[in-house]
Structures are given as C-alpha cells and as structure tokens.
Amino acid sequence: MSEAKHYYQDNALFLDGVNLNDVANQHDTPCYVYSRSAIEEAWTEYDHAFGSAPHLVCYAVKANSNIAILNLMAKLGSGFDIVSLGELERVLAAKGDPAKVIFSGVGKKEVEIKRALEIGIKCINIESEQELYRVKDAAADMGVKAPISLRVNPNVDAKTHPYISTGLKENKFGIDIDEALRIYIDASKMDSIEVTGVDCHIGSQLTDDSPYFDAIDKLIILMDKLKDNGINLHHIDIGGGLGICYDDETPPAKGEYVKRLVAALAEQGLEIIVEPGRSIVGNAGYFLTTVEFLKSNEEKNFAIVDGAMNDLLRPSLYSAWQRIIPLKDNSQAETKVYDIVGPVCETGDFLGKERELAIEPGDILAVCSAGAYGFSMSSNYNSRPKVAEIMVDNGTSHQIRQRESITEMFAAEELLP
C-alpha cells in the first residue's frame, strides 16, 4: 500500500516520524504537508507492476506541480503528462527529461507547441482536427517533424463526477473515435507530422477499472484499422484517473490494474503509457488548519478554521468528502457534529460538513488525502496569500514552498498613471 504513514503517539499526530504539531508551530497554518515515502512508493508500485513490458509512467503534473515533487518524480525516472507551457517549464526546472514528456490539453497555443517541439518532447496528444493543422504548420515553420498521437474520445462512461469525466461525446476532450481513422490517415500524409501513438483518457477518480478496458477494446479495433491502412503505432497511452480512498471507496490496486492492462494489450506489442496523478500524490498529502472559533445556532455547529476554499477547493467545487482528524485527542472537549468552514465570504466555503469532533479553539485539524488537486487548484480569492508546502521524510521536514506574503501577492499589479 502507498498510503502516507500517519499515527498517534503521545497525544500527537505523526507523519513519517514527524510530529505535525511541530510542523504547524514552525510553519503556521494553513499549510500542506506531504509524505515523500508515500509518493515514492505509489510511483514505484506502478512502475514495477509492468515488469519487462515496454512502458512509461508519466506523472500528471496538474495533480500537484510543486517543483520538489516533480524533481522527486524525475529522480525516480518518471515521465510527465503536461497540459500547459507553465507545466512544461516546471518539469524542465525540476530536471525532468523532455523526451519523457507527453503534452495533452484542448487549447494549445502556437507558442506552447513550438516550445515543446524545440526541446524535443516525446509526444503531443492532438485533441481536435484544427489542432493537428496548427501542430503541422508549427513543425513546418521550424523544419522538424512533430511526434503526435490522437487523443481518442471513445464515448465510454467513467461513472465518476461529471466535472472530471472526459471520455463521453458530451465532453470537450479528444477526437470522436468514429472520426479518428480519417484524421489519422490525413496526419500520416503530412510531411511535418510523425504519427507515433494513440491516446485515451476517460476521467478521474475511477473506482472501477472496467470502463478502462471498455475503452481499450475500442482502441484495439481502431489500431487494427490503422494497421490495415499502413499506420503502425509505437505506443498506446491509456491516461490516468485511477481513484484513491477518501472515505470507503475501494479502487483497484495499482499493481493488479497494471497487470490486467499489460495482458489486455499484449498482442499489440506497443509501449504502454499511463498518466497517474491523484493515485500517486493524493493520499500522501494533508492540509493543516487551525480552529479559530466555535459557533452554534439552532440549526448548526460551526468550526471556523483558518483554511478556506481558496486553499482547498475540492469540497466546494465537487462536494468532495475528505476525512478530517484532529492533531491531538482533546478529551476535555464535548463531542459535537460540526460543519468545518473557512473565513472566505462565500456560503460555499467549507472543508467538511457534519463531522463528529471533540475540539476547542486553537486545535489543529488535518484534512486527509489532500495531496492532489489541493494546492494546485488554490487561489488568492479574498486576497488570501497562498500557503506553505512541507515535505516530511523519515523523521525530518523540509519546506518546499514558502508561504506567500501579502506584498508578494500583489507585487505584479500596478497603480494607474
């Protein structure tokens, strides 16, 4: 299991040998804390499960793009799935190998495409026919061949939250599988295009892998048609999206999923690319926040904390449930059912609802499973500076992002003349 190793000792919550109260005291709250060992174990679990099958595990940078985490991925030998020029430059700054970078995303600008081609990334995933022509023209301008795959939309229901479903015809992502053959044939005739693979990503936080294999069945039919037309691929990219346990979910084990994937694609003889993000960093992260006030009315008990929706958006955006636990056992406090709410001026600003807790003002809470889509989705809404990020590793802690100051937050803004 690649779960972060938290436990209680001497009435304090520890993570990988580090007292989280000490982290909060040193770095203040709110802040994010990540377990290095949990991240490494999760990535390695994917990589080792492939055995001798040709493969590349590409970490999905959007899940958590901190430079230290990307550098950790690079040291492990990871590839990277990116969706913007900013993510590409982060990977390069973190010493990631550009030859292991896959560029996804529906709205790539010409400057982004040319930068990707300049540094020699592994593949650009084409999401529309118009994008193919933009890549073709950019590559021709540079006098290079652009390695591409088509991101095929298989019209498969991932049975996940509609905001993170990406494989249905109603979604903005990818090329309709019924149009893919024609576009592949067109692409194979373009002088500045090199067709290298096929890509498919159907959604995120999947707790049932059967939709993956439904999509693969459709891709195999497409690949057979491509072979009949003289188009031989080098890789198949099945995307990411494997879920994690936030509450009582039972997602497939990474190793078992990979073994099934290898077996399903064995006859194709292609390099297999996967793009996990959440399932590598999600359960490695914790969001620490301090209880400022306890407030009650006839309907509700509220724990007002210093963390807010601008720091951790998932509960407000997706109605996502994440476990919330105290850093200490407060036996002096009365147990009540609380809504955990923040100081942002929105009714939708909450981290959790109807949680049974024994807490007092000044207590620190840990929101679990916060390593993915936590800091990476944070903002300065209500002019709140972005929080610090800390990595813990075998009894030691390292600040991997300083807390943003108020002046840093608006340093790029200017007064009118």
Protein backbone atom coordinates (compact mmCIF):
# COMPACT_ATOMS: atom_id res chain seq x y z
CA MET A 1 0.00 0.00 0.00
CA SER A 2 1.23 3.52 -0.84
CA GLU A 3 -0.63 5.33 1.94
CA ALA A 4 1.01 8.06 3.98
CA LYS A 5 2.09 6.65 7.34
CA HIS A 6 0.27 8.75 9.96
CA TYR A 7 -0.22 7.59 13.53
CA TYR A 8 -0.85 8.97 17.02
CA GLN A 9 1.92 8.97 19.62
CA ASP A 10 1.94 10.82 22.97
CA ASN A 11 -1.36 12.50 22.04
CA ALA A 12 0.06 13.93 18.81
CA LEU A 13 -0.39 13.04 15.14
CA PHE A 14 2.81 11.96 13.40
CA LEU A 15 3.51 11.55 9.69
CA ASP A 16 6.60 9.56 8.65
CA GLY A 17 8.18 10.17 12.04
CA VAL A 18 7.40 13.92 12.14
CA ASN A 19 5.11 15.48 14.74
CA LEU A 20 2.59 17.51 12.73
CA ASN A 21 2.07 19.86 15.66
CA ASP A 22 5.75 20.79 15.31
CA VAL A 23 5.23 21.41 11.59
CA ALA A 24 2.25 23.66 12.32
CA ASN A 25 4.14 25.56 15.01
CA GLN A 26 7.16 26.08 12.78
CA HIS A 27 5.39 26.96 9.55
CA ASP A 28 2.00 28.23 10.79
CA THR A 29 -1.35 27.17 9.35
CA PRO A 30 -2.93 26.66 6.97
CA CYS A 31 -0.30 24.60 5.17
CA TYR A 32 0.12 21.42 3.15
CA VAL A 33 2.28 18.52 4.32
CA TYR A 34 3.37 15.62 2.07
CA SER A 35 4.96 12.25 2.73
CA ARG A 36 7.95 11.61 0.48
CA SER A 37 7.88 7.86 1.11
CA ALA A 38 4.19 7.58 0.16
CA ILE A 39 4.82 9.41 -3.12
CA GLU A 40 7.82 7.25 -3.99
CA GLU A 41 6.03 4.03 -3.11
CA ALA A 42 2.98 4.91 -5.20
CA TRP A 43 5.00 5.71 -8.33
CA THR A 44 7.21 2.63 -7.87
CA GLU A 45 4.16 0.41 -7.46
CA TYR A 46 3.03 1.41 -10.95
CA ASP A 47 6.48 1.10 -12.49
CA HIS A 48 7.37 -2.31 -11.03
CA ALA A 49 3.99 -3.83 -11.93
CA PHE A 50 4.80 -3.52 -15.64
CA GLY A 51 7.70 -5.94 -15.28
CA SER A 52 9.53 -6.33 -18.58
CA ALA A 53 6.70 -4.86 -20.70
CA PRO A 54 7.75 -1.67 -22.53
CA HIS A 55 6.18 1.18 -20.60
CA LEU A 56 6.43 4.73 -19.32
CA VAL A 57 4.76 6.05 -16.16
CA CYS A 58 4.04 9.74 -16.79
CA TYR A 59 3.12 11.67 -13.66
CA ALA A 60 0.16 14.01 -14.28
CA VAL A 61 1.65 17.36 -13.30
CA LYS A 62 -1.74 19.04 -12.81
CA ALA A 63 -2.37 16.94 -9.68
CA ASN A 64 0.43 18.66 -7.77
CA SER A 65 3.04 20.71 -9.61
CA ASN A 66 5.43 21.68 -6.81
CA ILE A 67 8.99 21.68 -8.17
CA ALA A 68 10.24 19.44 -5.35
CA ILE A 69 7.62 16.81 -6.14
CA LEU A 70 8.42 17.00 -9.86
CA ASN A 71 12.12 16.65 -9.06
CA LEU A 72 11.34 13.60 -6.93
CA MET A 73 9.48 12.13 -9.91
CA ALA A 74 12.42 12.88 -12.20
CA LYS A 75 14.83 11.14 -9.83
CA LEU A 76 12.61 8.06 -9.93
CA GLY A 77 12.79 8.07 -13.75
CA SER A 78 9.24 9.26 -14.30
CA GLY A 79 7.79 10.75 -17.42
CA PHE A 80 5.39 13.70 -17.22
CA ASP A 81 1.91 14.42 -18.54
CA ILE A 82 1.54 18.18 -19.02
CA VAL A 83 -1.30 20.44 -20.17
CA SER A 84 0.34 23.88 -20.44
CA LEU A 85 3.57 25.71 -21.17
CA GLY A 86 3.83 26.57 -17.50
CA GLU A 87 3.76 22.90 -16.56
CA LEU A 88 6.37 22.17 -19.22
CA GLU A 89 8.72 24.81 -17.82
CA ARG A 90 8.15 23.46 -14.31
CA VAL A 91 9.19 19.99 -15.46
CA LEU A 92 12.34 21.40 -17.06
CA ALA A 93 13.16 23.42 -13.94
CA ALA A 94 12.74 20.23 -11.91
CA LYS A 95 15.25 18.46 -14.19
CA GLY A 96 12.65 16.26 -15.86
CA ASP A 97 13.60 14.58 -19.14
CA PRO A 98 11.81 16.34 -22.03
CA ALA A 99 11.99 13.11 -24.04
CA LYS A 100 9.58 11.63 -21.46
CA VAL A 101 7.01 14.44 -21.67
CA ILE A 102 3.51 13.98 -23.12
CA PHE A 103 1.64 17.20 -23.95
CA SER A 104 -2.15 16.97 -23.55
CA GLY A 105 -4.83 19.68 -23.39
CA VAL A 106 -7.51 21.00 -25.71
CA GLY A 107 -6.30 24.57 -26.30
CA LYS A 108 -2.57 24.52 -27.08
CA LYS A 109 -1.28 27.87 -28.35
CA GLU A 110 1.33 28.08 -31.12
CA VAL A 111 3.98 29.31 -28.70
CA GLU A 112 3.36 26.28 -26.47
CA ILE A 113 3.61 23.86 -29.40
CA LYS A 114 6.83 25.39 -30.69
CA ARG A 115 8.46 25.31 -27.26
CA ALA A 116 7.52 21.66 -26.88
CA LEU A 117 8.99 20.84 -30.28
CA GLU A 118 12.10 22.94 -29.58
CA ILE A 119 13.05 20.88 -26.54
CA GLY A 120 12.12 17.54 -28.10
CA ILE A 121 9.22 16.17 -26.08
CA LYS A 122 8.07 12.61 -26.58
CA CYS A 123 4.60 13.28 -27.99
CA ILE A 124 1.86 15.85 -28.48
CA ASN A 125 -1.63 14.47 -27.91
CA ILE A 126 -3.87 16.00 -30.57
CA GLU A 127 -7.35 16.86 -29.25
CA SER A 128 -9.00 18.25 -32.42
CA GLU A 129 -8.55 18.30 -36.17
CA GLN A 130 -7.82 22.03 -36.09
CA GLU A 131 -5.08 21.42 -33.54
CA LEU A 132 -3.47 18.87 -35.87
CA TYR A 133 -3.13 21.54 -38.54
CA ARG A 134 -1.72 24.02 -36.05
CA VAL A 135 0.92 21.49 -34.99
CA LYS A 136 1.68 20.65 -38.62
CA ASP A 137 2.23 24.32 -39.50
CA ALA A 138 4.33 24.98 -36.38
CA ALA A 139 6.57 21.99 -37.10
CA ALA A 140 6.92 23.03 -40.75
CA ASP A 141 7.97 26.55 -39.68
CA MET A 142 10.67 25.01 -37.50
CA GLY A 143 11.79 22.44 -40.06
CA VAL A 144 11.09 19.50 -37.74
CA LYS A 145 8.71 16.57 -37.52
CA ALA A 146 6.19 16.70 -34.70
CA PRO A 147 5.59 13.36 -32.90
CA ILE A 148 1.85 13.09 -32.35
CA SER A 149 -0.90 10.81 -31.21
CA LEU A 150 -4.62 11.43 -31.41
CA ARG A 151 -6.48 11.64 -28.15
CA VAL A 152 -9.47 9.49 -29.00
CA ASN A 153 -12.78 10.02 -27.24
CA PRO A 154 -14.30 6.51 -27.00
CA ASN A 155 -17.69 7.60 -25.63
CA VAL A 156 -17.22 5.48 -22.50
CA ASP A 157 -18.87 6.46 -19.22
CA ALA A 158 -16.26 6.53 -16.47
CA LYS A 159 -19.05 6.67 -13.83
CA THR A 160 -17.34 9.46 -11.93
CA HIS A 161 -18.21 13.08 -11.07
CA PRO A 162 -19.41 14.88 -14.22
CA TYR A 163 -16.79 17.62 -13.78
CA ILE A 164 -13.97 15.06 -14.08
CA SER A 165 -15.49 12.81 -16.74
CA THR A 166 -13.58 13.19 -20.01
CA GLY A 167 -14.47 10.24 -22.23
CA LEU A 168 -18.06 10.95 -23.32
CA LYS A 169 -19.18 12.62 -26.54
CA GLU A 170 -20.61 15.46 -24.48
CA ASN A 171 -17.15 16.25 -23.05
CA LYS A 172 -14.76 18.76 -24.63
CA PHE A 173 -11.84 16.35 -24.79
CA GLY A 174 -10.45 14.32 -27.65
CA ILE A 175 -11.49 13.31 -31.15
CA ASP A 176 -14.61 11.25 -31.73
CA ILE A 177 -13.50 7.66 -32.22
CA ASP A 178 -15.65 7.45 -35.36
CA GLU A 179 -13.59 10.29 -36.91
CA ALA A 180 -10.19 9.10 -35.73
CA LEU A 181 -9.32 6.78 -38.65
CA ARG A 182 -9.86 9.50 -41.25
CA ILE A 183 -7.80 12.03 -39.31
CA TYR A 184 -5.00 9.50 -38.70
CA ILE A 185 -4.82 8.82 -42.43
CA ASP A 186 -4.64 12.56 -43.13
CA ALA A 187 -1.95 13.03 -40.48
CA SER A 188 0.16 10.18 -41.89
CA LYS A 189 0.41 12.08 -45.18
CA MET A 190 1.72 15.31 -43.62
CA ASP A 191 5.45 15.90 -44.13
CA SER A 192 5.96 17.62 -40.77
CA ILE A 193 3.98 15.08 -38.73
CA GLU A 194 5.16 11.73 -37.34
CA VAL A 195 2.31 9.55 -36.11
CA THR A 196 3.63 7.71 -33.06
CA GLY A 197 0.70 6.60 -30.91
CA VAL A 198 -2.89 6.69 -29.75
CA ASP A 199 -4.12 8.27 -26.54
CA CYS A 200 -7.26 7.92 -24.44
CA HIS A 201 -8.23 9.32 -21.04
CA ILE A 202 -11.79 8.84 -19.81
CA GLY A 203 -11.88 10.53 -16.41
CA SER A 204 -10.55 10.89 -12.90
CA GLN A 205 -11.17 9.25 -9.51
CA LEU A 206 -12.26 5.97 -11.10
CA THR A 207 -13.01 3.30 -8.53
CA ASP A 208 -13.98 0.69 -11.12
CA ASP A 209 -11.49 -0.11 -13.87
CA SER A 210 -13.99 -1.80 -16.20
CA PRO A 211 -14.54 1.46 -18.17
CA TYR A 212 -10.78 1.50 -18.91
CA PHE A 213 -10.99 -1.91 -20.51
CA ASP A 214 -14.15 -0.99 -22.42
CA ALA A 215 -12.15 1.90 -23.88
CA ILE A 216 -9.19 -0.37 -24.65
CA ASP A 217 -11.43 -2.76 -26.58
CA LYS A 218 -12.49 0.15 -28.78
CA LEU A 219 -8.89 1.32 -29.21
CA ILE A 220 -7.77 -2.15 -30.31
CA ILE A 221 -10.41 -2.13 -33.06
CA LEU A 222 -9.12 1.29 -34.17
CA MET A 223 -5.49 0.13 -34.10
CA ASP A 224 -6.35 -2.85 -36.29
CA LYS A 225 -7.90 -0.48 -38.82
CA LEU A 226 -4.79 1.70 -38.68
CA LYS A 227 -2.58 -1.30 -39.43
CA ASP A 228 -4.81 -2.16 -42.40
CA ASN A 229 -4.07 1.35 -43.68
CA GLY A 230 -0.31 1.02 -43.19
CA ILE A 231 -0.17 3.09 -39.99
CA ASN A 232 1.89 1.32 -37.34
CA LEU A 233 1.97 2.91 -33.90
CA HIS A 234 4.77 2.86 -31.33
CA HIS A 235 2.79 3.45 -28.15
CA ILE A 236 -0.66 3.45 -26.60
CA ASP A 237 -1.39 5.99 -23.86
CA ILE A 238 -4.32 4.91 -21.69
CA GLY A 239 -4.22 8.03 -19.49
CA GLY A 240 -4.60 8.11 -15.74
CA GLY A 241 -7.53 8.60 -13.43
CA LEU A 242 -7.29 5.61 -11.09
CA GLY A 243 -9.06 6.62 -7.90
CA ILE A 244 -7.95 6.71 -4.28
CA CYS A 245 -9.71 6.05 -1.00
CA TYR A 246 -11.07 9.25 0.54
CA ASP A 247 -13.68 7.51 2.69
CA ASP A 248 -14.81 3.95 1.97
CA GLU A 249 -14.02 3.69 -1.75
CA THR A 250 -12.30 0.52 -2.94
CA PRO A 251 -10.35 1.46 -6.08
CA PRO A 252 -8.43 -1.26 -7.91
CA ALA A 253 -4.93 -1.90 -6.64
CA LYS A 254 -2.35 -0.25 -8.88
CA GLY A 255 -0.39 -3.46 -9.44
CA GLU A 256 -3.40 -5.56 -10.34
CA TYR A 257 -4.73 -2.88 -12.68
CA VAL A 258 -1.38 -2.64 -14.48
CA LYS A 259 -1.11 -6.41 -14.88
CA ARG A 260 -4.57 -6.53 -16.45
CA LEU A 261 -3.58 -3.65 -18.70
CA VAL A 262 -0.43 -5.42 -19.87
CA ALA A 263 -2.39 -8.61 -20.56
CA ALA A 264 -5.10 -6.76 -22.50
CA LEU A 265 -2.52 -5.10 -24.75
CA ALA A 266 0.00 -7.94 -25.03
CA GLU A 267 -0.80 -8.76 -28.66
CA GLN A 268 -0.35 -5.15 -29.75
CA GLY A 269 3.38 -5.14 -28.95
CA LEU A 270 3.37 -1.42 -28.12
CA GLU A 271 4.92 0.68 -25.38
CA ILE A 272 2.21 1.33 -22.77
CA ILE A 273 1.99 4.80 -21.25
CA VAL A 274 -0.05 5.61 -18.14
CA GLU A 275 -0.58 9.08 -16.65
CA PRO A 276 -1.41 8.75 -12.93
CA GLY A 277 -1.59 11.85 -10.77
CA ARG A 278 -4.08 11.61 -7.92
CA SER A 279 -3.19 7.97 -7.22
CA ILE A 280 0.47 8.96 -6.72
CA VAL A 281 0.17 12.08 -4.55
CA GLY A 282 -3.44 12.15 -3.30
CA ASN A 283 -3.13 10.10 -0.15
CA ALA A 284 0.39 11.41 0.51
CA GLY A 285 -0.87 14.88 1.46
CA TYR A 286 -2.52 16.57 4.45
CA PHE A 287 -3.92 20.08 4.81
CA LEU A 288 -3.40 21.51 8.29
CA THR A 289 -5.77 24.19 9.56
CA THR A 290 -6.39 25.79 12.97
CA VAL A 291 -9.76 26.17 14.66
CA GLU A 292 -10.30 29.90 15.26
CA PHE A 293 -13.83 29.90 16.68
CA LEU A 294 -16.67 27.54 17.55
CA LYS A 295 -20.11 28.93 16.75
CA SER A 296 -23.58 27.44 17.18
CA ASN A 297 -27.13 28.34 16.27
CA GLU A 298 -30.41 26.45 16.40
CA GLU A 299 -29.52 24.51 13.26
CA LYS A 300 -25.77 24.03 13.17
CA ASN A 301 -22.48 23.89 15.00
CA PHE A 302 -19.67 25.54 13.08
CA ALA A 303 -15.94 25.14 13.48
CA ILE A 304 -14.47 28.24 11.84
CA VAL A 305 -10.93 27.46 10.71
CA ASP A 306 -8.14 29.48 9.09
CA GLY A 307 -8.13 27.31 5.94
CA ALA A 308 -10.64 28.06 3.21
CA MET A 309 -11.97 27.20 -0.22
CA ASN A 310 -9.22 29.26 -1.85
CA ASP A 311 -6.68 26.91 -0.21
CA LEU A 312 -8.55 23.63 -0.76
CA LEU A 313 -11.28 23.91 -3.37
CA ARG A 314 -12.35 20.27 -3.82
CA PRO A 315 -15.09 20.21 -1.15
CA SER A 316 -16.73 23.37 -2.52
CA LEU A 317 -16.22 22.57 -6.22
CA TYR A 318 -17.03 18.86 -6.28
CA SER A 319 -18.85 18.41 -2.95
CA ALA A 320 -15.86 16.18 -2.26
CA TRP A 321 -15.58 14.34 1.07
CA GLN A 322 -12.20 14.21 2.76
CA ARG A 323 -11.51 12.80 6.21
CA ILE A 324 -10.81 15.44 8.87
CA ILE A 325 -8.96 14.45 12.03
CA PRO A 326 -7.53 16.41 14.99
CA LEU A 327 -3.80 16.50 15.62
CA LYS A 328 -4.45 15.64 19.25
CA ASP A 329 -7.06 13.79 21.27
CA ASN A 330 -8.96 16.51 23.12
CA SER A 331 -10.72 14.57 25.85
CA GLN A 332 -11.70 17.82 27.63
CA ALA A 333 -13.96 18.98 24.80
CA GLU A 334 -17.52 17.88 24.20
CA THR A 335 -18.06 15.85 21.05
CA LYS A 336 -20.39 17.62 18.62
CA VAL A 337 -21.29 17.48 14.96
CA TYR A 338 -19.65 20.40 13.16
CA ASP A 339 -19.53 21.96 9.73
CA ILE A 340 -15.87 22.88 9.15
CA VAL A 341 -15.98 26.29 7.46
CA GLY A 342 -13.44 28.90 6.45
CA PRO A 343 -13.21 32.71 6.53
CA VAL A 344 -13.89 33.28 2.82
CA CYS A 345 -17.02 35.35 2.17
CA GLU A 346 -19.00 32.55 0.47
CA THR A 347 -21.61 30.19 1.90
CA GLY A 348 -19.91 27.51 -0.19
CA ASP A 349 -16.67 27.92 1.77
CA PHE A 350 -16.40 24.67 3.67
CA LEU A 351 -13.87 21.87 4.13
CA GLY A 352 -16.31 19.34 5.54
CA LYS A 353 -19.87 19.06 6.74
CA GLU A 354 -21.44 17.18 9.64
CA ARG A 355 -18.22 15.89 11.18
CA GLU A 356 -18.26 14.46 14.68
CA LEU A 357 -15.34 16.03 16.56
CA ALA A 358 -14.22 16.91 20.07
CA ILE A 359 -12.43 20.21 19.50
CA GLU A 360 -11.70 23.59 21.05
CA PRO A 361 -10.48 26.91 19.60
CA GLY A 362 -6.76 26.66 18.90
CA ASP A 363 -6.90 22.98 17.99
CA ILE A 364 -5.33 21.98 14.69
CA LEU A 365 -7.13 19.74 12.22
CA ALA A 366 -5.69 17.67 9.38
CA VAL A 367 -7.71 17.29 6.19
CA CYS A 368 -6.53 13.94 4.80
CA SER A 369 -5.97 12.84 1.20
CA ALA A 370 -5.13 16.41 0.21
CA GLY A 371 -2.03 15.83 -1.91
CA ALA A 372 -3.81 16.01 -5.27
CA TYR A 373 -5.77 18.99 -6.57
CA GLY A 374 -5.21 20.82 -3.30
CA PHE A 375 -2.50 23.42 -3.62
CA SER A 376 -2.51 23.14 -7.43
CA MET A 377 -6.11 24.47 -7.51
CA SER A 378 -5.58 27.14 -4.85
CA SER A 379 -6.04 30.84 -5.50
CA ASN A 380 -5.74 34.29 -3.93
CA TYR A 381 -9.51 34.75 -3.67
CA ASN A 382 -10.41 37.26 -0.94
CA SER A 383 -6.76 38.40 -1.25
CA ARG A 384 -5.56 35.46 0.81
CA PRO A 385 -1.87 34.60 0.29
CA LYS A 386 -1.05 31.09 -0.84
CA VAL A 387 0.07 28.72 1.89
CA ALA A 388 3.33 26.92 2.61
CA GLU A 389 4.08 23.36 1.49
CA ILE A 390 6.18 20.97 3.56
CA MET A 391 7.70 17.57 2.72
CA VAL A 392 8.33 15.09 5.53
CA ASP A 393 10.84 12.31 5.10
CA ASN A 394 11.88 9.75 7.69
CA GLY A 395 11.73 11.99 10.73
CA THR A 396 12.72 15.25 9.05
CA SER A 397 10.74 18.02 7.39
CA HIS A 398 11.64 20.34 4.52
CA GLN A 399 9.81 23.45 3.39
CA ILE A 400 9.28 23.08 -0.35
CA ARG A 401 7.29 26.29 -0.80
CA GLN A 402 7.43 29.41 1.32
CA ARG A 403 4.19 30.98 2.45
CA GLU A 404 3.33 33.84 0.13
CA SER A 405 3.44 37.28 1.77
CA ILE A 406 0.72 39.85 1.23
CA THR A 407 3.08 42.13 -0.68
CA GLU A 408 4.23 39.24 -2.88
CA MET A 409 0.59 38.51 -3.66
CA PHE A 410 0.05 41.84 -5.40
CA ALA A 411 3.64 42.64 -6.43
CA ALA A 412 2.84 42.22 -10.14
CA GLU A 413 -0.01 44.74 -10.01
CA GLU A 414 0.43 48.44 -10.82
CA LEU A 415 -1.29 51.69 -9.96
CA LEU A 416 -2.81 53.72 -12.75
CA PRO A 417 -0.64 56.63 -14.02
